[in-house]
């Protein structure tokens, strides 16, 4: 079976991923997660699409119990390597976020920097991720995630917006074509993998507007849903979502 673009992207990208601009805000983002947890070190946190473990490792260093899941063996290998260097014991598991093995085991779930949702090929698959994460949460529980802001393509060229936020040496996104009927952005992504090879992938991601995201979560019986602008390394309930925010920060309580 042909690999999806996100599988090909992350299959040999563990080292390079940590150098991407969007991976630089870990500490500040964990400050926010701590605040949302009430600084309760007795809770269990699920990190969905944990990648190289940057949030899981930082939160574990602060005394939290974190389980990280990801689809990529390369990303998980890098996460385990980094945790071992810090002498941290973290449960990193290879699982598909559309089919998680957990049932009401966690108090908080985080899914940051497009850690699964909204990378899938269809809205139905993305919804499966929301369903499975929700199934993994206890009641009461809290789901904190970021997703691509559907307001962006209505006011900006996605390609130009990505260019303005990409540092030299990072992955490059070009030939963007946004479909207003599906709210999916198709683009050509070029990057260097951990072996130094340049790769080119035909990628596409879904963008979601606030009202749609709220409705999806309400269908999963979340009672309180708040959406803010997600700013790199500076998540805050004070940041009102605008068309200038590339990502939405979503906080849902069941």
C-alpha atoms as a PDB file:
ATOM      1  CA  UNK A   1       0.000   0.000   0.000  1.00  0.00           C
ATOM      2  CA  UNK A   2       1.297   3.440  -0.947  1.00  0.00           C
ATOM      3  CA  UNK A   3       2.390   5.548   1.992  1.00  0.00           C
ATOM      4  CA  UNK A   4       0.536   8.753   2.702  1.00  0.00           C
ATOM      5  CA  UNK A   5       2.536  11.972   2.492  1.00  0.00           C
ATOM      6  CA  UNK A   6       2.688  12.406   6.262  1.00  0.00           C
ATOM      7  CA  UNK A   7       4.105   8.895   6.651  1.00  0.00           C
ATOM      8  CA  UNK A   8       6.798   9.597   4.052  1.00  0.00           C
ATOM      9  CA  UNK A   9       7.574  12.983   5.605  1.00  0.00           C
ATOM     10  CA  UNK A  10       8.292  11.615   9.052  1.00  0.00           C
ATOM     11  CA  UNK A  11       9.933   8.271   8.208  1.00  0.00           C
ATOM     12  CA  UNK A  12      13.492   9.674   8.403  1.00  0.00           C
ATOM     13  CA  UNK A  13      12.980  13.083   9.941  1.00  0.00           C
ATOM     14  CA  UNK A  14      13.500  12.735  13.693  1.00  0.00           C
ATOM     15  CA  UNK A  15      16.687  14.820  13.829  1.00  0.00           C
ATOM     16  CA  UNK A  16      15.613  17.449  11.291  1.00  0.00           C
ATOM     17  CA  UNK A  17      12.198  17.924  12.900  1.00  0.00           C
ATOM     18  CA  UNK A  18      13.702  19.437  16.046  1.00  0.00           C
ATOM     19  CA  UNK A  19      15.326  22.186  13.955  1.00  0.00           C
ATOM     20  CA  UNK A  20      12.054  23.329  12.376  1.00  0.00           C
ATOM     21  CA  UNK A  21      10.834  26.781  13.398  1.00  0.00           C
ATOM     22  CA  UNK A  22       7.501  25.436  14.648  1.00  0.00           C
ATOM     23  CA  UNK A  23       9.320  23.193  17.150  1.00  0.00           C
ATOM     24  CA  UNK A  24      10.890  26.083  19.053  1.00  0.00           C
ATOM     25  CA  UNK A  25       8.081  26.988  21.444  1.00  0.00           C
ATOM     26  CA  UNK A  26       8.069  23.921  23.676  1.00  0.00           C
ATOM     27  CA  UNK A  27       8.804  25.496  27.048  1.00  0.00           C
ATOM     28  CA  UNK A  28       6.189  28.247  26.788  1.00  0.00           C
ATOM     29  CA  UNK A  29       3.585  25.808  25.482  1.00  0.00           C
ATOM     30  CA  UNK A  30       4.231  23.510  28.429  1.00  0.00           C
ATOM     31  CA  UNK A  31       3.812  26.493  30.767  1.00  0.00           C
ATOM     32  CA  UNK A  32       0.289  26.812  29.384  1.00  0.00           C
ATOM     33  CA  UNK A  33      -0.447  23.087  29.706  1.00  0.00           C
ATOM     34  CA  UNK A  34       0.712  23.193  33.325  1.00  0.00           C
ATOM     35  CA  UNK A  35      -1.571  26.118  34.049  1.00  0.00           C
ATOM     36  CA  UNK A  36      -4.520  24.323  32.417  1.00  0.00           C
ATOM     37  CA  UNK A  37      -3.771  21.256  34.535  1.00  0.00           C
ATOM     38  CA  UNK A  38      -3.947  23.299  37.737  1.00  0.00           C
ATOM     39  CA  UNK A  39      -0.335  22.240  38.370  1.00  0.00           C
ATOM     40  CA  UNK A  40      -1.663  18.851  39.515  1.00  0.00           C
ATOM     41  CA  UNK A  41       1.212  16.362  39.255  1.00  0.00           C
ATOM     42  CA  UNK A  42      -1.102  13.432  39.971  1.00  0.00           C
ATOM     43  CA  UNK A  43      -2.848  13.538  36.612  1.00  0.00           C
ATOM     44  CA  UNK A  44      -2.069  11.419  33.549  1.00  0.00           C
ATOM     45  CA  UNK A  45      -1.402  13.188  30.238  1.00  0.00           C
ATOM     46  CA  UNK A  46      -1.681  11.697  26.745  1.00  0.00           C
ATOM     47  CA  UNK A  47       0.471  13.358  24.065  1.00  0.00           C
ATOM     48  CA  UNK A  48      -1.085  12.499  20.692  1.00  0.00           C
ATOM     49  CA  UNK A  49       1.256  12.771  17.725  1.00  0.00           C
ATOM     50  CA  UNK A  50       4.104  13.334  20.154  1.00  0.00           C
ATOM     51  CA  UNK A  51       6.727  13.423  17.403  1.00  0.00           C
ATOM     52  CA  UNK A  52      10.216  13.581  18.871  1.00  0.00           C
ATOM     53  CA  UNK A  53       8.714  13.905  22.347  1.00  0.00           C
ATOM     54  CA  UNK A  54       9.439  17.550  22.934  1.00  0.00           C
ATOM     55  CA  UNK A  55       6.296  18.271  25.009  1.00  0.00           C
ATOM     56  CA  UNK A  56       6.254  14.845  26.676  1.00  0.00           C
ATOM     57  CA  UNK A  57       9.885  15.203  27.735  1.00  0.00           C
ATOM     58  CA  UNK A  58       9.490  18.757  29.035  1.00  0.00           C
ATOM     59  CA  UNK A  59       6.360  17.884  31.011  1.00  0.00           C
ATOM     60  CA  UNK A  60       7.998  14.761  32.443  1.00  0.00           C
ATOM     61  CA  UNK A  61      10.963  16.860  33.573  1.00  0.00           C
ATOM     62  CA  UNK A  62       8.438  19.026  35.416  1.00  0.00           C
ATOM     63  CA  UNK A  63       7.057  15.999  37.245  1.00  0.00           C
ATOM     64  CA  UNK A  64       4.073  14.947  35.132  1.00  0.00           C
ATOM     65  CA  UNK A  65       3.084  11.432  34.066  1.00  0.00           C
ATOM     66  CA  UNK A  66       2.996  11.459  30.251  1.00  0.00           C
ATOM     67  CA  UNK A  67       2.358   8.813  27.611  1.00  0.00           C
ATOM     68  CA  UNK A  68       3.331   9.729  24.047  1.00  0.00           C
ATOM     69  CA  UNK A  69       1.932   8.102  20.914  1.00  0.00           C
ATOM     70  CA  UNK A  70       2.936   8.571  17.300  1.00  0.00           C
ATOM     71  CA  UNK A  71       2.647   6.749  13.987  1.00  0.00           C
ATOM     72  CA  UNK A  72       6.272   7.332  12.981  1.00  0.00           C
ATOM     73  CA  UNK A  73       8.968   4.906  14.129  1.00  0.00           C
ATOM     74  CA  UNK A  74      11.612   7.496  13.256  1.00  0.00           C
ATOM     75  CA  UNK A  75      10.017  10.171  15.429  1.00  0.00           C
ATOM     76  CA  UNK A  76       9.519   7.745  18.316  1.00  0.00           C
ATOM     77  CA  UNK A  77      13.097   6.518  18.066  1.00  0.00           C
ATOM     78  CA  UNK A  78      14.315  10.098  18.367  1.00  0.00           C
ATOM     79  CA  UNK A  79      11.949  10.711  21.307  1.00  0.00           C
ATOM     80  CA  UNK A  80      13.224   7.641  23.159  1.00  0.00           C
ATOM     81  CA  UNK A  81      16.836   8.638  22.478  1.00  0.00           C
ATOM     82  CA  UNK A  82      16.274  12.131  23.875  1.00  0.00           C
ATOM     83  CA  UNK A  83      14.441  10.821  26.956  1.00  0.00           C
ATOM     84  CA  UNK A  84      17.221   8.327  27.647  1.00  0.00           C
ATOM     85  CA  UNK A  85      19.828  11.096  27.536  1.00  0.00           C
ATOM     86  CA  UNK A  86      17.794  12.944  30.172  1.00  0.00           C
ATOM     87  CA  UNK A  87      17.418   9.727  32.232  1.00  0.00           C
ATOM     88  CA  UNK A  88      13.648  10.025  31.892  1.00  0.00           C
ATOM     89  CA  UNK A  89      11.238   7.113  31.814  1.00  0.00           C
ATOM     90  CA  UNK A  90       8.436   7.899  29.385  1.00  0.00           C
ATOM     91  CA  UNK A  91       6.013   5.473  27.793  1.00  0.00           C
ATOM     92  CA  UNK A  92       6.375   6.141  24.056  1.00  0.00           C
ATOM     93  CA  UNK A  93       4.097   3.919  21.950  1.00  0.00           C
ATOM     94  CA  UNK A  94       3.555   3.451  18.235  1.00  0.00           C
ATOM     95  CA  UNK A  95      -0.178   3.861  17.716  1.00  0.00           C
ATOM     96  CA  UNK A  96      -2.474   5.275  15.073  1.00  0.00           C
ATOM     97  CA  UNK A  97      -4.499   8.144  16.543  1.00  0.00           C
ATOM     98  CA  UNK A  98      -7.531   6.851  14.632  1.00  0.00           C
ATOM     99  CA  UNK A  99      -7.420   3.611  16.599  1.00  0.00           C
ATOM    100  CA  UNK A 100      -6.094   4.209  20.107  1.00  0.00           C
ATOM    101  CA  UNK A 101      -6.039   1.396  22.655  1.00  0.00           C
ATOM    102  CA  UNK A 102      -6.978   3.543  25.653  1.00  0.00           C
ATOM    103  CA  UNK A 103     -10.324   3.784  27.427  1.00  0.00           C
ATOM    104  CA  UNK A 104     -10.853   6.567  29.964  1.00  0.00           C
ATOM    105  CA  UNK A 105      -7.220   6.428  31.129  1.00  0.00           C
ATOM    106  CA  UNK A 106      -6.119  10.073  30.935  1.00  0.00           C
ATOM    107  CA  UNK A 107      -7.065  13.370  32.574  1.00  0.00           C
ATOM    108  CA  UNK A 108      -5.643  15.581  29.827  1.00  0.00           C
ATOM    109  CA  UNK A 109      -4.900  14.902  26.173  1.00  0.00           C
ATOM    110  CA  UNK A 110      -2.700  17.228  24.147  1.00  0.00           C
ATOM    111  CA  UNK A 111      -2.312  17.202  20.362  1.00  0.00           C
ATOM    112  CA  UNK A 112      -0.087  20.066  19.298  1.00  0.00           C
ATOM    113  CA  UNK A 113       1.452  21.296  16.069  1.00  0.00           C
ATOM    114  CA  UNK A 114      -0.850  19.218  13.845  1.00  0.00           C
ATOM    115  CA  UNK A 115      -0.087  16.070  15.807  1.00  0.00           C
ATOM    116  CA  UNK A 116      -2.519  14.016  13.718  1.00  0.00           C
ATOM    117  CA  UNK A 117      -5.579  16.189  13.216  1.00  0.00           C
ATOM    118  CA  UNK A 118      -5.828  17.718  10.540  1.00  0.00           C
ATOM    119  CA  UNK A 119      -3.301  15.721   8.484  1.00  0.00           C
ATOM    120  CA  UNK A 120      -5.593  12.885   7.433  1.00  0.00           C
ATOM    121  CA  UNK A 121      -6.898  12.436   3.900  1.00  0.00           C
ATOM    122  CA  UNK A 122     -10.551  13.026   4.754  1.00  0.00           C
ATOM    123  CA  UNK A 123     -12.702  14.848   7.306  1.00  0.00           C
ATOM    124  CA  UNK A 124     -14.032  11.464   8.416  1.00  0.00           C
ATOM    125  CA  UNK A 125     -10.516  10.283   9.296  1.00  0.00           C
ATOM    126  CA  UNK A 126      -9.793  13.499  11.152  1.00  0.00           C
ATOM    127  CA  UNK A 127     -13.017  13.017  13.089  1.00  0.00           C
ATOM    128  CA  UNK A 128     -11.903   9.491  14.025  1.00  0.00           C
ATOM    129  CA  UNK A 129      -8.907  11.059  15.739  1.00  0.00           C
ATOM    130  CA  UNK A 130     -11.146  13.337  17.794  1.00  0.00           C
ATOM    131  CA  UNK A 131     -13.329  10.340  18.683  1.00  0.00           C
ATOM    132  CA  UNK A 132     -10.422   8.166  19.792  1.00  0.00           C
ATOM    133  CA  UNK A 133      -8.768  10.863  21.856  1.00  0.00           C
ATOM    134  CA  UNK A 134     -12.112  11.580  23.518  1.00  0.00           C
ATOM    135  CA  UNK A 135     -12.546   7.876  24.315  1.00  0.00           C
ATOM    136  CA  UNK A 136      -9.143   7.947  26.003  1.00  0.00           C
ATOM    137  CA  UNK A 137     -10.150  10.738  28.400  1.00  0.00           C
ATOM    138  CA  UNK A 138     -11.665  10.343  31.838  1.00  0.00           C
ATOM    139  CA  UNK A 139     -14.700  12.375  32.854  1.00  0.00           C
ATOM    140  CA  UNK A 140     -14.015  15.107  33.726  1.00  0.00           C
ATOM    141  CA  UNK A 141     -11.181  15.487  31.275  1.00  0.00           C
ATOM    142  CA  UNK A 142      -9.612  18.165  29.108  1.00  0.00           C
ATOM    143  CA  UNK A 143      -8.522  18.062  25.469  1.00  0.00           C
ATOM    144  CA  UNK A 144      -6.000  20.708  24.351  1.00  0.00           C
ATOM    145  CA  UNK A 145      -5.016  20.820  20.701  1.00  0.00           C
ATOM    146  CA  UNK A 146      -3.980  23.076  17.856  1.00  0.00           C
ATOM    147  CA  UNK A 147      -5.236  22.905  14.301  1.00  0.00           C
ATOM    148  CA  UNK A 148      -4.925  24.924  11.112  1.00  0.00           C
ATOM    149  CA  UNK A 149      -7.028  28.081  11.194  1.00  0.00           C
ATOM    150  CA  UNK A 150      -9.609  28.093   8.390  1.00  0.00           C
ATOM    151  CA  UNK A 151      -9.783  31.898   8.556  1.00  0.00           C
ATOM    152  CA  UNK A 152      -6.242  32.193   7.178  1.00  0.00           C
ATOM    153  CA  UNK A 153      -6.978  31.159   3.545  1.00  0.00           C
ATOM    154  CA  UNK A 154      -9.941  33.542   3.421  1.00  0.00           C
ATOM    155  CA  UNK A 155      -7.684  36.530   4.043  1.00  0.00           C
ATOM    156  CA  UNK A 156      -4.198  35.439   2.950  1.00  0.00           C
ATOM    157  CA  UNK A 157      -2.271  33.409   0.414  1.00  0.00           C
ATOM    158  CA  UNK A 158      -1.287  30.268   2.346  1.00  0.00           C
ATOM    159  CA  UNK A 159       1.929  29.998   0.330  1.00  0.00           C
ATOM    160  CA  UNK A 160       3.014  33.572   1.144  1.00  0.00           C
ATOM    161  CA  UNK A 161       1.999  33.155   4.772  1.00  0.00           C
ATOM    162  CA  UNK A 162       4.139  29.991   5.067  1.00  0.00           C
ATOM    163  CA  UNK A 163       7.072  31.760   3.401  1.00  0.00           C
ATOM    164  CA  UNK A 164       6.917  34.535   5.992  1.00  0.00           C
ATOM    165  CA  UNK A 165       7.154  32.090   8.904  1.00  0.00           C
ATOM    166  CA  UNK A 166       9.817  29.701   7.575  1.00  0.00           C
ATOM    167  CA  UNK A 167      13.482  30.008   8.541  1.00  0.00           C
ATOM    168  CA  UNK A 168      16.392  29.073   6.209  1.00  0.00           C
ATOM    169  CA  UNK A 169      17.009  25.328   6.273  1.00  0.00           C
ATOM    170  CA  UNK A 170      13.404  24.481   7.194  1.00  0.00           C
ATOM    171  CA  UNK A 171      10.963  22.635   4.985  1.00  0.00           C
ATOM    172  CA  UNK A 172       9.679  24.736   2.085  1.00  0.00           C
ATOM    173  CA  UNK A 173       6.020  24.786   1.006  1.00  0.00           C
ATOM    174  CA  UNK A 174       5.201  25.920  -2.538  1.00  0.00           C
ATOM    175  CA  UNK A 175       2.654  25.671  -5.342  1.00  0.00           C
ATOM    176  CA  UNK A 176      -0.119  25.938  -2.771  1.00  0.00           C
ATOM    177  CA  UNK A 177      -3.636  25.489  -4.104  1.00  0.00           C
ATOM    178  CA  UNK A 178      -6.463  26.037  -1.634  1.00  0.00           C
ATOM    179  CA  UNK A 179      -9.826  24.417  -2.382  1.00  0.00           C
ATOM    180  CA  UNK A 180     -12.700  26.485  -0.997  1.00  0.00           C
ATOM    181  CA  UNK A 181     -15.133  23.585  -1.407  1.00  0.00           C
ATOM    182  CA  UNK A 182     -13.145  21.183   0.794  1.00  0.00           C
ATOM    183  CA  UNK A 183     -11.027  23.689   2.780  1.00  0.00           C
ATOM    184  CA  UNK A 184      -7.943  21.640   1.965  1.00  0.00           C
ATOM    185  CA  UNK A 185      -4.585  23.125   1.005  1.00  0.00           C
ATOM    186  CA  UNK A 186      -2.583  21.157  -1.572  1.00  0.00           C
ATOM    187  CA  UNK A 187       1.108  21.949  -1.769  1.00  0.00           C
ATOM    188  CA  UNK A 188       4.538  20.696  -2.731  1.00  0.00           C
ATOM    189  CA  UNK A 189       6.771  20.304   0.326  1.00  0.00           C
ATOM    190  CA  UNK A 190      10.551  20.132  -0.079  1.00  0.00           C
ATOM    191  CA  UNK A 191      12.839  19.215   2.820  1.00  0.00           C
ATOM    192  CA  UNK A 192      16.054  17.431   3.727  1.00  0.00           C
ATOM    193  CA  UNK A 193      15.753  14.212   5.703  1.00  0.00           C
ATOM    194  CA  UNK A 194      18.145  13.068   8.428  1.00  0.00           C
ATOM    195  CA  UNK A 195      20.447  11.538   5.802  1.00  0.00           C
ATOM    196  CA  UNK A 196      20.763  14.857   3.987  1.00  0.00           C
ATOM    197  CA  UNK A 197      18.644  13.750   1.048  1.00  0.00           C
ATOM    198  CA  UNK A 198      16.293  16.330  -0.493  1.00  0.00           C
ATOM    199  CA  UNK A 199      12.752  14.995  -0.744  1.00  0.00           C
ATOM    200  CA  UNK A 200       9.710  16.387  -2.508  1.00  0.00           C
ATOM    201  CA  UNK A 201       6.199  15.416  -1.434  1.00  0.00           C
ATOM    202  CA  UNK A 202       2.725  16.218  -2.735  1.00  0.00           C
ATOM    203  CA  UNK A 203       0.914  17.117   0.485  1.00  0.00           C
ATOM    204  CA  UNK A 204      -2.508  18.275   1.567  1.00  0.00           C
ATOM    205  CA  UNK A 205      -4.008  19.316   4.897  1.00  0.00           C
ATOM    206  CA  UNK A 206      -7.452  20.292   6.101  1.00  0.00           C
ATOM    207  CA  UNK A 207      -8.246  23.717   7.524  1.00  0.00           C
ATOM    208  CA  UNK A 208     -11.103  24.123  10.010  1.00  0.00           C
ATOM    209  CA  UNK A 209     -13.110  27.187  10.986  1.00  0.00           C
ATOM    210  CA  UNK A 210     -14.024  27.851  14.644  1.00  0.00           C
ATOM    211  CA  UNK A 211     -17.749  27.107  14.293  1.00  0.00           C
ATOM    212  CA  UNK A 212     -17.047  23.790  12.566  1.00  0.00           C
ATOM    213  CA  UNK A 213     -14.502  22.763  15.201  1.00  0.00           C
ATOM    214  CA  UNK A 214     -16.947  23.650  17.967  1.00  0.00           C
ATOM    215  CA  UNK A 215     -19.709  21.590  16.343  1.00  0.00           C
ATOM    216  CA  UNK A 216     -17.430  18.551  15.943  1.00  0.00           C
ATOM    217  CA  UNK A 217     -16.511  18.677  19.623  1.00  0.00           C
ATOM    218  CA  UNK A 218     -20.093  19.215  20.745  1.00  0.00           C
ATOM    219  CA  UNK A 219     -21.039  16.071  18.825  1.00  0.00           C
ATOM    220  CA  UNK A 220     -18.553  14.264  21.088  1.00  0.00           C
ATOM    221  CA  UNK A 221     -20.323  15.662  24.149  1.00  0.00           C
ATOM    222  CA  UNK A 222     -17.804  18.267  25.202  1.00  0.00           C
ATOM    223  CA  UNK A 223     -19.570  20.803  27.393  1.00  0.00           C
ATOM    224  CA  UNK A 224     -17.098  23.700  27.362  1.00  0.00           C
ATOM    225  CA  UNK A 225     -15.179  24.610  24.214  1.00  0.00           C
ATOM    226  CA  UNK A 226     -12.876  27.621  23.945  1.00  0.00           C
ATOM    227  CA  UNK A 227     -10.875  28.644  20.879  1.00  0.00           C
ATOM    228  CA  UNK A 228      -7.998  31.127  20.793  1.00  0.00           C
ATOM    229  CA  UNK A 229      -5.151  32.144  18.532  1.00  0.00           C
ATOM    230  CA  UNK A 230      -2.197  29.755  18.906  1.00  0.00           C
ATOM    231  CA  UNK A 231       1.030  31.685  19.089  1.00  0.00           C
ATOM    232  CA  UNK A 232       4.344  29.839  18.997  1.00  0.00           C
ATOM    233  CA  UNK A 233       5.631  29.282  22.517  1.00  0.00           C
ATOM    234  CA  UNK A 234       3.053  31.649  23.986  1.00  0.00           C
ATOM    235  CA  UNK A 235      -0.289  29.890  24.269  1.00  0.00           C
ATOM    236  CA  UNK A 236      -2.767  32.007  26.207  1.00  0.00           C
ATOM    237  CA  UNK A 237      -6.475  32.428  26.816  1.00  0.00           C
ATOM    238  CA  UNK A 238      -5.850  36.148  26.278  1.00  0.00           C
ATOM    239  CA  UNK A 239      -5.118  35.738  22.555  1.00  0.00           C
ATOM    240  CA  UNK A 240      -8.338  36.215  20.620  1.00  0.00           C
ATOM    241  CA  UNK A 241      -8.366  34.227  17.370  1.00  0.00           C
ATOM    242  CA  UNK A 242      -7.840  36.404  14.273  1.00  0.00           C
ATOM    243  CA  UNK A 243      -7.177  35.783  10.552  1.00  0.00           C
ATOM    244  CA  UNK A 244      -3.508  36.459  11.355  1.00  0.00           C
ATOM    245  CA  UNK A 245      -3.176  33.282  13.454  1.00  0.00           C
ATOM    246  CA  UNK A 246      -1.960  30.298  11.440  1.00  0.00           C
ATOM    247  CA  UNK A 247      -3.264  27.884  14.083  1.00  0.00           C
ATOM    248  CA  UNK A 248      -6.200  27.773  16.454  1.00  0.00           C
ATOM    249  CA  UNK A 249      -5.705  26.747  20.069  1.00  0.00           C
ATOM    250  CA  UNK A 250      -8.665  24.627  21.157  1.00  0.00           C
ATOM    251  CA  UNK A 251      -9.477  23.756  24.783  1.00  0.00           C
ATOM    252  CA  UNK A 252     -12.395  21.390  25.343  1.00  0.00           C
ATOM    253  CA  UNK A 253     -13.743  19.977  28.619  1.00  0.00           C
ATOM    254  CA  UNK A 254     -16.149  17.060  28.786  1.00  0.00           C
END
